[in-house]
Structure formats: structure tokens, C-alpha cells
Amino acid sequence: MHDVLCITELLDVICQFATRSTLAKLARTCRAFEEPALDALWKDLETLAPLSNCLPPALWGELDGVTILRRPLSSDHWRLLRKYSSRICTVQKNIFFGRYFRQLLAVASHSTPPAPLFPKLKAVLLNRITDETIPLFRWMIGPSITKLELSLSIIKATPATLSFMSSLGMLCPNMRSVLLEVDHLEKSQAEVMAASMSQAICQWYHLQNASFSSLDAFAYEHLSQLKSLTTLKLFLSRDAPTQLGEAELCPTPFPSLTNLTIGAVSIEVMSAWLSCLHLAPTNLTCNIHDVPFTPTTLYELCSTIQKHCCPHSLRSIDLDDLRSRYGETVVLLDDIQPLLEFRHLRSVTLHELCTIALDDHALEELATAWPQLEVLHLNRYAKLEPAASIPTFRGLFHLVRLCPNLRELSIVIDLTKTEWIDIRRPSDEGVCNSALSTLILGNSPLDDPKRVAFILGAVFPCLAGINLDDWDYLPLYLSPERDTSLPLWCQLNDYLADFGIVREQEIRRMQAAPEKVIES
């Protein structure tokens, strides 16, 4: 073997780029590569199935359809397990069915390993907890864990579950990123579970990224003081504002928070929760869950955001309806007027929550308020009624001129009113954006794809085509005009592609012209 291959670091690099089948062959056939190949092969696992396959099948049997352990594991069995488990750093998910899971659960329920099996395990992700799976998780959880994602699928908070949840803080003191979700609990049970989770949360002093389905006052107090916490995601129950109100918060809660995502059963709950705080996040996402709202309640939410979030720090805001029923609720610019106070916004996403009825003047007002916009998703679907108010190319030109940094845009505009535009020089209107690469126009009225392609190609010279993915999803998928409109959009994209080739040829011709002049 070449002397270079005696360098351990080099072997590690080689193993990082090898396929799993290659790693397995190296581990079996080459003594020098055995350890680094095994380390790379076992470092990141999707499930623990390979660990179960290390033990002889004769260890297990069945009794009344239940997998049982026929005899305890010997010291050789534990040594074999630890040879491989000690290399695992990440477990992506656990699938709670199948032979391997039942076998490992049988071992975990009736045996205690003589030494920790997972000393290097740092991340346990996408796992669902039930009472019967807790013994297996107790195997995995330890001080090396820095990232944990657990979802509890339980109907009742049992002593076993409560004990396990409350012990997480002591078992995993070095936690940096955590997700704890609890589903389907009644109010009284949810309060007990929140108290149990709080005991663990209050022992984590280095959290950077946290996501919880419920918190009590003690957890709020602890999290609000963490200088390390930069990302927080919460689902707010109807009692969440009360729990937060009972917490004794410091004058500047959540001092380092940059990313805040809150989901709630209603806009009223979200507004009440935000009213208890004064925050300075960089990115704010508000998810509304399955509850209709009115323009009045939306205005109240926007007003609360404006009053309780620092206008100088906020760069991104996303108001989202997780049902994604575009166009169901129509609001006016006045209903989101408080958000126009955030002059430094670079990303605004509103299209999944509501349709904003705009005319050209309103679109110009919006663009004037947000001159630094890079991403704007306003509308992707609008009910095109005779009295409906949608902007035209005039409004789009205002937007492009006032927001020169736009990279992504979703908007419904009337593409049929183009008679005032000189098609030979559409960009002479003073608008041209070479940064925009994503344009979504939803069900915008379109009657002349070629003419519109001339205009869009001149205003957005780097645009390869209109994004038509939304036509494969509701509500556009079931739209009555889909069969007639979608072919027109495809024609428009074909024209844009052809015009792009012509522009590229012209640029090359102009670049070659000076060279010919110099030669002559």
C-alpha cells in the first residue's frame, strides 16, 4: 500500500465520497480501510434496521404474534452491537413497524446494555414516541445528543411518557436544536404534558433552534432569557396568551431571536400572543390553521405586528394559511396597511393567506413603502369578476421601477391592456430588471401571448419563462378556464425562449463588432 494511504485524514476523505456498497466492500477486504470505512458507513443512518441485522435471528421468537426475546444477550452480542452503534452520529427516523423494529424493541424492553451504545449519537430526527417505544429511545438518548426531533402520538399522558419527557433535560444537557410536538391531547392532559416538557426545557441553556407545540409560563420565562436562541417555532393553543401573560419576562425578552414562526388556531389568538411581547426578529412567519378570518381580524393582526415588532430589524414576513386555498378571502391594501411601516422588508409572502385586491395606484403605494423588496408573493389566483380590481402593466412598471432588486414575483395582473405600450421599445418606459428570475402570474387574463412576451422579455431580460407549476394544483387545476388559458401560457413561454435566443445572439454580435473594427 502506498505511504500516502497511511494518512488517516486522507482515508477519511476517500470514504466520504465512496458509495455505501463500496464502503462495505472496503471494510470487509482491506485492513487499512476497515475502521474509516465502517465509520463512514454507520455515521448517518436512516433507521436502526442495520443494527438489528447484526444479531443472530435465533435470539428472537414469537408468542401470540408478538416478537419476544428467547434469551438475554451475551457479552459477545453486546460487544458486537457496540462495535457498530458506537459509530452512529445521526438517526434520520424510526419506522414503528417491521421486523427490525419489533426485534430491537424486544431487546430494549428486557435488557440493559453494560455500556452506552451510542456515545457519538448527536442527532435523532423525525421520530414518533409512544409508550411502548420509550425503552428504545432511552437507549439512544444521552449527553452526546445536540439535536432532537420528537413527536408524541398519544391519547393520554401516561406516567411513563411524562417521566421520559421530563428527564430529557437531564439526559441531554448539551441540546442545541429541539423539536417537541404533542398531538391529540385534551386540554387537561396538554397542561400536564406542557409542565413535564417544561422541566426538560428549563435545563437547556444553550438552545439555538427550538420548536414546541405547547409551553407553560416557566418555559416561556426560561426561553425568553436565552441569549443563544435565534430560531423559535411555536404552535399557539387558545391558552397560549394566558400562559405567556403569567410569565415574568425580562424587559427585553428573546434578545437574540432572528427567526420566529408562530402557528395558531385563529388570528385572534396570534394577535393576543404577540401583544404580550416586544420583539426584534429578522424573519416572521405566521401560520393560520383551518379557521376562516375576516379583513378586520387581518388588520388587527397586521396592526399588532406593527406595534410589537421592531420596524428596523424585520426583513421578511410570511402570512400563511396552511390550507393554501388561494383566493378564498379577498382583502384590500388598507387591510394590511400597518405592514407598510416596515420599510426595510426584503421578502413578503401573502398569497397563501388571502388575495389582495389592488389597482395600479395601490401597487405603486406598496412598492413605494417597500423599496428594498427582493421577493414578493402577492397573488397567484384571483376571482376575475367584472368588478374585480387587478393591476395592469402600468402597476407592474411602477413596481419594477421602485423595487429594482426584485428576484421573485407572484402577482395577478391584467395582461390584455397593452395598447398604450410601444412594443418596439417597451423598456423605454424606464423599467428594466435583470435580477428577476422567477415570475408567477397565476390566472392573469391573457389574450396575446406574443405581444406580452415581447413586453416581458424587454422588461425582464434574464427571465427564462413564466412559472406554470400552480396550474397543476388547486385552485387553478380545477379552474374552468384551465383548458383555454394553459395553452396560451405555454405559447408565451415558447416565445420568451425564442426571444432569449435572439437576444443572446445579438449580444454576441455586438461583442464581436469591436474586434472587427480593431482588425480593420
Protein backbone atom coordinates (compact mmCIF):
# COMPACT_ATOMS: atom_id res chain seq x y z
CA MET A 1 0.00 0.00 0.00
CA HIS A 2 1.28 3.46 -0.87
CA ASP A 3 2.60 5.51 2.05
CA VAL A 4 0.07 8.25 1.31
CA LEU A 5 -2.74 5.88 2.30
CA CYS A 6 -1.25 5.63 5.78
CA ILE A 7 -2.53 9.14 6.48
CA THR A 8 -5.74 8.70 8.49
CA GLU A 9 -7.24 12.00 7.38
CA LEU A 10 -6.81 11.04 3.72
CA LEU A 11 -8.60 7.74 4.29
CA ASP A 12 -11.48 9.63 5.91
CA VAL A 13 -11.78 11.94 2.88
CA ILE A 14 -11.78 8.99 0.48
CA CYS A 15 -14.53 7.28 2.48
CA GLN A 16 -16.67 10.43 2.44
CA PHE A 17 -17.02 10.15 -1.35
CA ALA A 18 -17.45 6.38 -1.60
CA THR A 19 -20.86 4.75 -2.07
CA ARG A 20 -22.32 2.57 0.67
CA SER A 21 -21.68 -0.61 -1.30
CA THR A 22 -18.05 0.43 -1.83
CA LEU A 23 -17.64 1.19 1.87
CA ALA A 24 -18.98 -2.24 2.80
CA LYS A 25 -16.52 -3.93 0.44
CA LEU A 26 -13.60 -1.85 1.74
CA ALA A 27 -14.47 -2.71 5.34
CA ARG A 28 -14.51 -6.44 4.54
CA THR A 29 -11.43 -6.68 2.31
CA CYS A 30 -8.89 -4.00 3.30
CA ARG A 31 -7.48 -3.86 6.82
CA ALA A 32 -6.22 -0.27 6.40
CA PHE A 33 -9.65 0.92 5.26
CA GLU A 34 -11.72 -1.13 7.72
CA GLU A 35 -12.12 1.43 10.51
CA PRO A 36 -12.62 4.60 8.39
CA ALA A 37 -14.95 2.68 6.05
CA LEU A 38 -17.07 1.42 8.96
CA ASP A 39 -17.15 4.93 10.46
CA ALA A 40 -18.45 6.40 7.20
CA LEU A 41 -20.88 3.51 6.61
CA TRP A 42 -22.52 3.80 10.02
CA LYS A 43 -22.21 7.54 10.62
CA ASP A 44 -25.62 8.58 9.26
CA LEU A 45 -28.45 6.04 9.27
CA GLU A 46 -31.99 6.43 8.03
CA THR A 47 -33.24 3.87 10.55
CA LEU A 48 -31.77 1.43 13.07
CA ALA A 49 -32.57 -1.56 10.86
CA PRO A 50 -28.87 -2.35 10.12
CA LEU A 51 -28.25 -2.64 13.86
CA SER A 52 -30.89 -5.33 14.20
CA ASN A 53 -29.31 -7.28 11.35
CA CYS A 54 -26.05 -7.58 13.32
CA LEU A 55 -27.60 -10.03 15.79
CA PRO A 56 -28.38 -13.70 15.07
CA PRO A 57 -32.04 -14.41 14.15
CA ALA A 58 -32.16 -17.24 16.70
CA LEU A 59 -32.32 -14.67 19.51
CA TRP A 60 -35.97 -13.90 18.74
CA GLY A 61 -39.18 -15.83 18.56
CA GLU A 62 -42.91 -15.15 18.51
CA LEU A 63 -45.61 -15.67 21.11
CA ASP A 64 -49.21 -14.96 20.16
CA GLY A 65 -47.98 -12.82 17.28
CA VAL A 66 -45.65 -10.76 19.47
CA THR A 67 -41.88 -10.75 18.96
CA ILE A 68 -40.12 -11.98 22.09
CA LEU A 69 -36.52 -12.39 23.21
CA ARG A 70 -35.72 -16.09 23.66
CA ARG A 71 -32.62 -15.49 25.78
CA PRO A 72 -30.71 -12.49 27.10
CA LEU A 73 -27.94 -11.01 25.03
CA SER A 74 -24.47 -12.31 25.88
CA SER A 75 -21.43 -10.12 26.37
CA ASP A 76 -20.36 -11.03 22.82
CA HIS A 77 -23.70 -9.82 21.47
CA TRP A 78 -23.39 -6.50 23.32
CA ARG A 79 -19.81 -6.15 22.10
CA LEU A 80 -20.94 -6.75 18.52
CA LEU A 81 -23.76 -4.22 18.82
CA ARG A 82 -21.49 -1.58 20.29
CA LYS A 83 -18.86 -2.14 17.59
CA TYR A 84 -21.30 -0.59 15.12
CA SER A 85 -23.67 1.51 17.27
CA SER A 86 -20.73 3.47 18.72
CA ARG A 87 -20.10 4.88 15.23
CA ILE A 88 -23.63 6.22 14.66
CA CYS A 89 -23.92 10.03 14.69
CA THR A 90 -27.38 10.57 13.17
CA VAL A 91 -30.60 8.56 13.01
CA GLN A 92 -32.95 10.16 10.50
CA LYS A 93 -36.18 8.44 11.52
CA ASN A 94 -37.66 5.38 13.16
CA ILE A 95 -40.35 3.37 11.39
CA PHE A 96 -42.57 1.82 14.04
CA PHE A 97 -43.42 -1.36 12.20
CA GLY A 98 -41.49 -4.17 10.60
CA ARG A 99 -39.34 -6.97 11.88
CA TYR A 100 -36.27 -4.97 12.83
CA PHE A 101 -38.23 -2.56 15.00
CA ARG A 102 -40.01 -5.34 16.91
CA GLN A 103 -36.70 -7.11 17.48
CA LEU A 104 -34.87 -4.05 18.83
CA LEU A 105 -37.86 -3.17 20.98
CA ALA A 106 -37.86 -6.67 22.48
CA VAL A 107 -34.20 -6.27 23.41
CA ALA A 108 -34.60 -2.74 24.77
CA SER A 109 -37.62 -3.70 26.88
CA HIS A 110 -35.88 -6.56 28.69
CA SER A 111 -32.15 -5.79 28.61
CA THR A 112 -29.87 -3.06 29.83
CA PRO A 113 -26.62 -2.54 27.91
CA PRO A 114 -23.49 -2.79 30.08
CA ALA A 115 -22.15 0.42 28.48
CA PRO A 116 -23.74 3.25 26.44
CA LEU A 117 -24.46 2.03 22.93
CA PHE A 118 -24.49 5.41 21.18
CA PRO A 119 -21.64 7.54 22.59
CA LYS A 120 -21.31 9.57 19.35
CA LEU A 121 -25.00 9.98 18.56
CA LYS A 122 -25.67 13.70 18.03
CA ALA A 123 -28.99 13.86 16.19
CA VAL A 124 -32.22 11.87 16.43
CA LEU A 125 -34.71 13.16 13.88
CA LEU A 126 -38.31 12.67 12.79
CA ASN A 127 -39.22 10.19 15.48
CA ARG A 128 -42.67 9.46 16.87
CA ILE A 129 -42.94 8.47 20.52
CA THR A 130 -45.43 6.06 22.05
CA ASP A 131 -45.39 4.39 25.46
CA GLU A 132 -44.08 1.13 24.02
CA THR A 133 -41.17 2.79 22.17
CA ILE A 134 -39.79 4.69 25.17
CA PRO A 135 -37.34 1.89 26.20
CA LEU A 136 -35.73 2.03 22.77
CA PHE A 137 -35.37 5.80 22.96
CA ARG A 138 -33.81 5.57 26.41
CA TRP A 139 -31.09 3.51 24.73
CA MET A 140 -30.42 6.30 22.26
CA ILE A 141 -30.75 9.42 24.40
CA GLY A 142 -27.58 10.64 26.10
CA PRO A 143 -25.26 13.60 26.71
CA SER A 144 -23.87 13.48 23.16
CA ILE A 145 -27.28 14.47 21.72
CA THR A 146 -27.35 18.06 20.41
CA LYS A 147 -30.31 17.80 18.02
CA LEU A 148 -33.60 16.07 18.82
CA GLU A 149 -36.93 15.91 16.99
CA LEU A 150 -39.72 14.03 18.75
CA SER A 151 -43.43 13.85 18.05
CA LEU A 152 -45.69 12.23 20.63
CA SER A 153 -48.56 10.21 19.22
CA ILE A 154 -50.54 9.62 22.38
CA ILE A 155 -54.12 9.99 23.53
CA LYS A 156 -53.37 10.19 27.23
CA ALA A 157 -50.31 11.45 29.11
CA THR A 158 -49.17 8.31 30.96
CA PRO A 159 -46.62 8.28 33.82
CA ALA A 160 -44.07 6.61 31.52
CA THR A 161 -44.39 9.33 28.90
CA LEU A 162 -44.34 12.17 31.44
CA SER A 163 -41.28 10.71 33.15
CA PHE A 164 -39.44 10.33 29.85
CA MET A 165 -40.22 13.86 28.69
CA SER A 166 -39.23 15.49 31.97
CA SER A 167 -35.94 13.54 32.03
CA LEU A 168 -34.80 14.78 28.61
CA GLY A 169 -33.18 17.86 30.12
CA MET A 170 -31.02 15.80 32.45
CA LEU A 171 -30.23 13.11 29.87
CA CYS A 172 -29.36 15.59 27.09
CA PRO A 173 -27.80 18.64 28.79
CA ASN A 174 -25.98 19.79 25.64
CA MET A 175 -29.05 20.30 23.48
CA ARG A 176 -28.72 22.89 20.70
CA SER A 177 -31.73 22.17 18.49
CA VAL A 178 -35.00 20.60 19.62
CA LEU A 179 -38.47 19.91 18.26
CA LEU A 180 -41.13 18.56 20.64
CA GLU A 181 -44.66 18.09 19.35
CA VAL A 182 -47.68 16.56 21.07
CA ASP A 183 -50.84 15.61 19.16
CA HIS A 184 -54.42 14.84 20.13
CA LEU A 185 -54.34 15.67 23.85
CA GLU A 186 -57.30 17.14 25.69
CA LYS A 187 -56.82 20.46 27.48
CA SER A 188 -56.15 18.99 30.93
CA GLN A 189 -53.77 16.39 29.50
CA ALA A 190 -51.99 19.03 27.42
CA GLU A 191 -51.37 21.14 30.54
CA VAL A 192 -49.80 18.18 32.34
CA MET A 193 -47.63 17.40 29.33
CA ALA A 194 -46.57 21.05 28.99
CA ALA A 195 -45.47 21.05 32.64
CA SER A 196 -43.47 17.88 32.07
CA MET A 197 -41.83 19.29 28.95
CA SER A 198 -41.09 22.50 30.82
CA GLN A 199 -38.92 20.60 33.31
CA ALA A 200 -36.71 19.50 30.43
CA ILE A 201 -36.73 22.84 28.63
CA CYS A 202 -35.63 24.72 31.74
CA GLN A 203 -32.46 22.59 31.87
CA TRP A 204 -31.33 23.53 28.36
CA TYR A 205 -29.15 26.63 28.49
CA HIS A 206 -27.59 26.52 25.02
CA LEU A 207 -30.60 26.17 22.73
CA GLN A 208 -30.21 27.81 19.34
CA ASN A 209 -33.19 26.37 17.47
CA ALA A 210 -36.42 25.34 19.23
CA SER A 211 -39.88 24.21 18.14
CA PHE A 212 -42.68 23.38 20.59
CA SER A 213 -46.39 22.62 20.40
CA SER A 214 -47.09 23.93 23.91
CA LEU A 215 -45.31 25.83 26.68
CA ASP A 216 -46.16 26.87 30.21
CA ALA A 217 -45.16 30.07 31.99
CA PHE A 218 -41.91 28.61 33.37
CA ALA A 219 -40.77 27.54 29.90
CA TYR A 220 -41.56 30.99 28.50
CA GLU A 221 -39.53 32.62 31.26
CA HIS A 222 -36.54 30.37 30.61
CA LEU A 223 -36.57 30.63 26.81
CA SER A 224 -37.01 34.40 26.86
CA GLN A 225 -33.70 34.76 28.71
CA LEU A 226 -31.57 32.59 26.41
CA LYS A 227 -29.03 34.65 24.51
CA SER A 228 -28.23 31.66 22.32
CA LEU A 229 -31.79 31.20 20.98
CA THR A 230 -32.01 32.51 17.41
CA THR A 231 -34.85 30.42 15.92
CA LEU A 232 -38.19 29.72 17.62
CA LYS A 233 -41.25 27.95 16.24
CA LEU A 234 -44.43 27.66 18.31
CA PHE A 235 -47.96 26.41 17.87
CA LEU A 236 -50.28 28.55 19.97
CA SER A 237 -53.28 26.95 21.64
CA ARG A 238 -56.15 29.11 22.85
CA ASP A 239 -54.50 29.24 26.29
CA ALA A 240 -51.12 30.36 24.96
CA PRO A 241 -51.68 34.11 25.51
CA THR A 242 -52.73 33.38 29.11
CA GLN A 243 -49.64 31.22 29.73
CA LEU A 244 -47.39 33.92 28.29
CA GLY A 245 -49.16 36.61 30.31
CA GLU A 246 -48.44 34.70 33.54
CA ALA A 247 -44.72 34.52 32.78
CA GLU A 248 -42.41 37.05 34.42
CA LEU A 249 -40.43 38.15 31.39
CA CYS A 250 -37.32 40.31 31.37
CA PRO A 251 -37.55 43.81 29.82
CA THR A 252 -36.00 42.58 26.55
CA PRO A 253 -37.26 39.01 26.02
CA PHE A 254 -35.71 36.77 23.38
CA PRO A 255 -32.72 39.11 22.87
CA SER A 256 -31.09 37.16 20.02
CA LEU A 257 -34.21 35.91 18.22
CA THR A 258 -33.94 36.31 14.44
CA ASN A 259 -36.42 33.72 13.10
CA LEU A 260 -39.90 33.50 14.64
CA THR A 261 -42.61 31.16 13.32
CA ILE A 262 -45.95 31.03 15.09
CA GLY A 263 -48.96 28.92 14.23
CA ALA A 264 -52.34 29.43 15.84
CA VAL A 265 -55.91 28.19 15.77
CA SER A 266 -57.07 31.72 14.96
CA ILE A 267 -55.80 35.18 14.10
CA GLU A 268 -57.25 36.46 17.39
CA VAL A 269 -55.05 34.09 19.42
CA MET A 270 -52.00 35.09 17.40
CA SER A 271 -52.69 38.80 17.93
CA ALA A 272 -53.24 38.32 21.66
CA TRP A 273 -49.96 36.40 21.99
CA LEU A 274 -47.93 38.99 20.11
CA SER A 275 -49.49 41.75 22.22
CA CYS A 276 -47.64 40.38 25.26
CA LEU A 277 -44.22 40.93 23.71
CA HIS A 278 -41.91 43.46 22.08
CA LEU A 279 -39.63 41.62 19.66
CA ALA A 280 -37.00 42.38 17.06
CA PRO A 281 -36.98 39.36 14.73
CA THR A 282 -35.45 39.41 11.28
CA ASN A 283 -37.89 36.89 9.82
CA LEU A 284 -41.52 36.46 10.92
CA THR A 285 -43.87 33.69 9.75
CA CYS A 286 -47.50 33.46 10.88
CA ASN A 287 -49.42 30.26 10.07
CA ILE A 288 -53.20 30.24 10.41
CA HIS A 289 -54.76 26.79 10.95
CA ASP A 290 -58.12 25.91 9.40
CA VAL A 291 -60.06 28.89 10.73
CA PRO A 292 -61.78 31.47 8.49
CA PHE A 293 -60.90 35.08 9.13
CA THR A 294 -62.19 38.48 8.11
CA PRO A 295 -60.43 41.57 6.76
CA THR A 296 -60.99 43.17 10.17
CA THR A 297 -59.15 40.45 12.08
CA LEU A 298 -56.36 40.52 9.48
CA TYR A 299 -55.98 44.27 10.01
CA GLU A 300 -55.80 43.69 13.77
CA LEU A 301 -53.02 41.13 13.28
CA CYS A 302 -51.06 43.44 10.99
CA SER A 303 -51.53 46.29 13.46
CA THR A 304 -50.28 44.11 16.32
CA ILE A 305 -47.23 43.08 14.31
CA GLN A 306 -46.52 46.73 13.54
CA LYS A 307 -46.77 47.74 17.20
CA HIS A 308 -44.84 44.84 18.73
CA CYS A 309 -42.09 44.08 16.18
CA CYS A 310 -39.15 46.38 15.63
CA PRO A 311 -39.56 48.18 12.27
CA HIS A 312 -35.79 48.44 11.78
CA SER A 313 -34.97 44.74 12.14
CA LEU A 314 -37.76 42.95 10.24
CA ARG A 315 -36.60 41.82 6.80
CA SER A 316 -39.06 39.06 5.94
CA ILE A 317 -42.74 38.46 6.68
CA ASP A 318 -44.84 35.48 5.64
CA LEU A 319 -48.57 35.26 6.42
CA ASP A 320 -49.67 31.77 5.54
CA ASP A 321 -52.90 29.76 5.51
CA LEU A 322 -51.83 26.12 5.79
CA ARG A 323 -54.91 25.11 3.83
CA SER A 324 -53.45 27.03 0.87
CA ARG A 325 -56.87 27.89 -0.52
CA TYR A 326 -55.82 30.77 -2.74
CA GLY A 327 -58.37 33.48 -3.36
CA GLU A 328 -60.88 32.36 -0.73
CA THR A 329 -60.55 35.59 1.25
CA VAL A 330 -60.21 38.89 -0.61
CA VAL A 331 -58.82 41.92 1.20
CA LEU A 332 -57.73 45.43 0.26
CA LEU A 333 -54.38 47.12 0.67
CA ASP A 334 -55.93 49.06 3.58
CA ASP A 335 -56.32 45.77 5.47
CA ILE A 336 -52.56 45.21 5.53
CA GLN A 337 -51.68 48.93 5.71
CA PRO A 338 -49.79 48.63 9.05
CA LEU A 339 -47.24 46.36 7.38
CA LEU A 340 -46.23 49.21 5.08
CA GLU A 341 -44.45 50.75 8.08
CA PHE A 342 -41.71 48.13 7.77
CA ARG A 343 -39.55 49.99 5.26
CA HIS A 344 -36.67 47.52 5.27
CA LEU A 345 -38.59 44.42 4.18
CA ARG A 346 -36.86 42.30 1.58
CA SER A 347 -39.29 39.37 1.40
CA VAL A 348 -43.11 39.45 1.68
CA THR A 349 -45.34 36.39 1.15
CA LEU A 350 -49.10 36.82 1.40
CA HIS A 351 -50.59 34.82 -1.47
CA GLU A 352 -51.48 31.69 0.53
CA LEU A 353 -53.41 33.62 3.17
CA CYS A 354 -55.53 35.90 1.03
CA THR A 355 -55.97 37.65 -2.30
CA ILE A 356 -55.16 41.34 -2.16
CA ALA A 357 -57.34 43.40 -4.48
CA LEU A 358 -55.02 46.03 -5.97
CA ASP A 359 -55.20 48.61 -8.70
CA ASP A 360 -52.21 50.34 -10.27
CA HIS A 361 -52.21 53.14 -7.70
CA ALA A 362 -52.30 50.70 -4.75
CA LEU A 363 -49.45 48.66 -6.24
CA GLU A 364 -47.39 51.83 -6.60
CA GLU A 365 -48.11 52.72 -2.97
CA LEU A 366 -46.99 49.26 -1.87
CA ALA A 367 -43.79 49.46 -3.93
CA THR A 368 -43.00 52.91 -2.53
CA ALA A 369 -43.28 51.56 1.03
CA TRP A 370 -41.05 48.52 0.36
CA PRO A 371 -38.23 49.72 -1.95
CA GLN A 372 -35.78 47.01 -0.83
CA LEU A 373 -38.00 44.09 -1.83
CA GLU A 374 -36.28 41.09 -3.36
CA VAL A 375 -39.11 38.55 -3.00
CA LEU A 376 -42.79 39.47 -3.31
CA HIS A 377 -45.58 36.88 -3.46
CA LEU A 378 -48.86 38.81 -3.52
CA ASN A 379 -51.40 36.84 -5.55
CA ARG A 380 -51.44 33.61 -7.52
CA TYR A 381 -55.16 33.36 -8.03
CA ALA A 382 -57.91 35.96 -8.25
CA LYS A 383 -61.62 35.69 -8.89
CA LEU A 384 -61.85 37.57 -12.17
CA GLU A 385 -65.27 39.14 -11.67
CA PRO A 386 -66.31 42.22 -13.67
CA ALA A 387 -65.86 44.48 -10.64
CA ALA A 388 -62.58 42.86 -9.59
CA SER A 389 -59.66 45.23 -9.14
CA ILE A 390 -56.37 43.97 -10.54
CA PRO A 391 -53.35 45.97 -11.70
CA THR A 392 -52.17 46.33 -15.29
CA PHE A 393 -48.75 46.72 -16.86
CA ARG A 394 -48.71 50.29 -15.53
CA GLY A 395 -48.74 49.00 -11.97
CA LEU A 396 -46.15 46.35 -12.81
CA PHE A 397 -43.86 49.01 -14.29
CA HIS A 398 -44.22 51.09 -11.10
CA LEU A 399 -43.27 48.04 -9.05
CA VAL A 400 -40.23 47.23 -11.17
CA ARG A 401 -39.01 50.83 -11.15
CA LEU A 402 -39.45 51.34 -7.39
CA CYS A 403 -38.17 47.88 -6.35
CA PRO A 404 -35.10 47.35 -8.54
CA ASN A 405 -33.84 44.34 -6.53
CA LEU A 406 -36.82 42.05 -7.19
CA ARG A 407 -35.77 38.43 -7.82
CA GLU A 408 -39.10 36.63 -7.32
CA LEU A 409 -42.60 37.92 -8.00
CA SER A 410 -46.08 36.38 -7.78
CA ILE A 411 -48.91 38.64 -8.90
CA VAL A 412 -52.14 38.55 -10.92
CA ILE A 413 -52.32 41.41 -13.42
CA ASP A 414 -54.39 42.22 -16.49
CA LEU A 415 -52.15 41.35 -19.43
CA THR A 416 -54.77 42.30 -22.03
CA LYS A 417 -54.43 46.09 -21.66
CA THR A 418 -51.25 46.72 -23.64
CA GLU A 419 -52.38 49.12 -26.35
CA TRP A 420 -50.52 52.08 -24.80
CA ILE A 421 -47.16 50.24 -24.80
CA ASP A 422 -44.78 50.71 -27.75
CA ILE A 423 -43.95 47.08 -28.44
CA ARG A 424 -40.73 48.07 -30.24
CA ARG A 425 -39.34 49.79 -27.15
CA PRO A 426 -41.32 48.64 -24.09
CA SER A 427 -38.38 49.22 -21.77
CA ASP A 428 -38.27 52.87 -22.82
CA GLU A 429 -40.87 53.37 -20.12
CA GLY A 430 -37.85 53.48 -17.79
CA VAL A 431 -38.20 49.97 -16.41
CA CYS A 432 -35.83 47.06 -16.76
CA ASN A 433 -34.96 44.40 -14.21
CA SER A 434 -32.13 41.97 -14.91
CA ALA A 435 -32.34 40.34 -11.48
CA LEU A 436 -35.80 38.76 -11.71
CA SER A 437 -35.60 35.02 -12.40
CA THR A 438 -38.95 33.77 -11.03
CA LEU A 439 -42.26 35.21 -12.23
CA ILE A 440 -45.63 33.64 -11.34
CA LEU A 441 -48.70 35.27 -12.88
CA GLY A 442 -51.39 32.80 -11.79
CA ASN A 443 -54.62 33.19 -13.70
CA SER A 444 -53.82 36.65 -15.06
CA PRO A 445 -56.02 37.47 -18.10
CA LEU A 446 -54.01 36.77 -21.27
CA ASP A 447 -55.12 37.10 -24.89
CA ASP A 448 -51.98 37.81 -26.97
CA PRO A 449 -49.03 35.65 -25.83
CA LYS A 450 -46.65 37.00 -28.47
CA ARG A 451 -47.19 40.66 -27.62
CA VAL A 452 -46.97 40.01 -23.87
CA ALA A 453 -43.77 38.00 -24.43
CA PHE A 454 -42.23 41.00 -26.25
CA ILE A 455 -43.03 43.24 -23.28
CA LEU A 456 -41.94 40.85 -20.54
CA GLY A 457 -38.78 39.90 -22.41
CA ALA A 458 -37.76 43.55 -22.66
CA VAL A 459 -38.58 44.40 -19.04
CA PHE A 460 -37.10 41.17 -17.62
CA PRO A 461 -34.24 40.25 -19.99
CA CYS A 462 -32.98 37.40 -17.78
CA LEU A 463 -36.39 35.74 -17.38
CA ALA A 464 -36.36 32.26 -18.93
CA GLY A 465 -40.12 31.76 -18.66
CA ILE A 466 -43.26 32.10 -16.56
CA ASN A 467 -43.55 29.54 -13.75
CA LEU A 468 -46.67 27.49 -14.52
CA ASP A 469 -46.45 24.94 -11.70
CA ASP A 470 -49.56 26.33 -9.97
CA TRP A 471 -51.74 25.10 -12.84
CA ASP A 472 -51.12 21.55 -11.57
CA TYR A 473 -52.59 22.34 -8.14
CA LEU A 474 -55.78 23.72 -6.67
CA PRO A 475 -57.49 26.05 -7.35
CA LEU A 476 -56.06 26.55 -10.86
CA TYR A 477 -56.15 22.82 -11.62
CA LEU A 478 -59.97 22.83 -11.41
CA SER A 479 -60.36 26.30 -12.90
CA PRO A 480 -62.92 26.34 -15.75
CA GLU A 481 -60.54 28.40 -17.92
CA ARG A 482 -57.63 25.97 -17.49
CA ASP A 483 -58.12 24.22 -20.83
CA THR A 484 -58.16 27.50 -22.74
CA SER A 485 -55.65 29.51 -20.69
CA LEU A 486 -52.85 27.00 -20.14
CA PRO A 487 -52.06 26.59 -23.88
CA LEU A 488 -51.72 30.39 -24.14
CA TRP A 489 -49.25 30.40 -21.26
CA CYS A 490 -47.24 27.64 -22.90
CA GLN A 491 -47.13 29.69 -26.11
CA LEU A 492 -45.93 32.70 -24.12
CA ASN A 493 -43.09 30.64 -22.64
CA ASP A 494 -42.13 29.40 -26.11
CA TYR A 495 -41.93 33.00 -27.34
CA LEU A 496 -39.85 34.03 -24.33
CA ALA A 497 -37.42 31.19 -25.02
CA ASP A 498 -37.12 32.18 -28.69
CA PHE A 499 -36.64 35.86 -27.85
CA GLY A 500 -33.99 34.91 -25.31
CA ILE A 501 -32.01 33.11 -28.02
CA VAL A 502 -32.28 36.15 -30.30
CA ARG A 503 -31.07 38.48 -27.52
CA GLU A 504 -28.12 36.20 -26.80
CA GLN A 505 -27.19 36.15 -30.49
CA GLU A 506 -27.43 39.94 -30.65
CA ILE A 507 -25.19 40.34 -27.60
CA ARG A 508 -22.56 38.09 -29.16
CA ARG A 509 -22.80 40.03 -32.42
CA MET A 510 -22.27 43.32 -30.61
CA GLN A 511 -19.32 41.89 -28.67
CA ALA A 512 -17.71 40.69 -31.88
CA ALA A 513 -18.20 44.01 -33.72
CA PRO A 514 -15.42 45.97 -31.89
CA GLU A 515 -12.94 43.18 -32.64
CA LYS A 516 -13.63 43.50 -36.37
CA VAL A 517 -13.18 47.30 -36.19
CA ILE A 518 -9.80 46.87 -34.48
CA GLU A 519 -8.63 44.34 -37.10
CA SER A 520 -9.60 46.67 -39.95
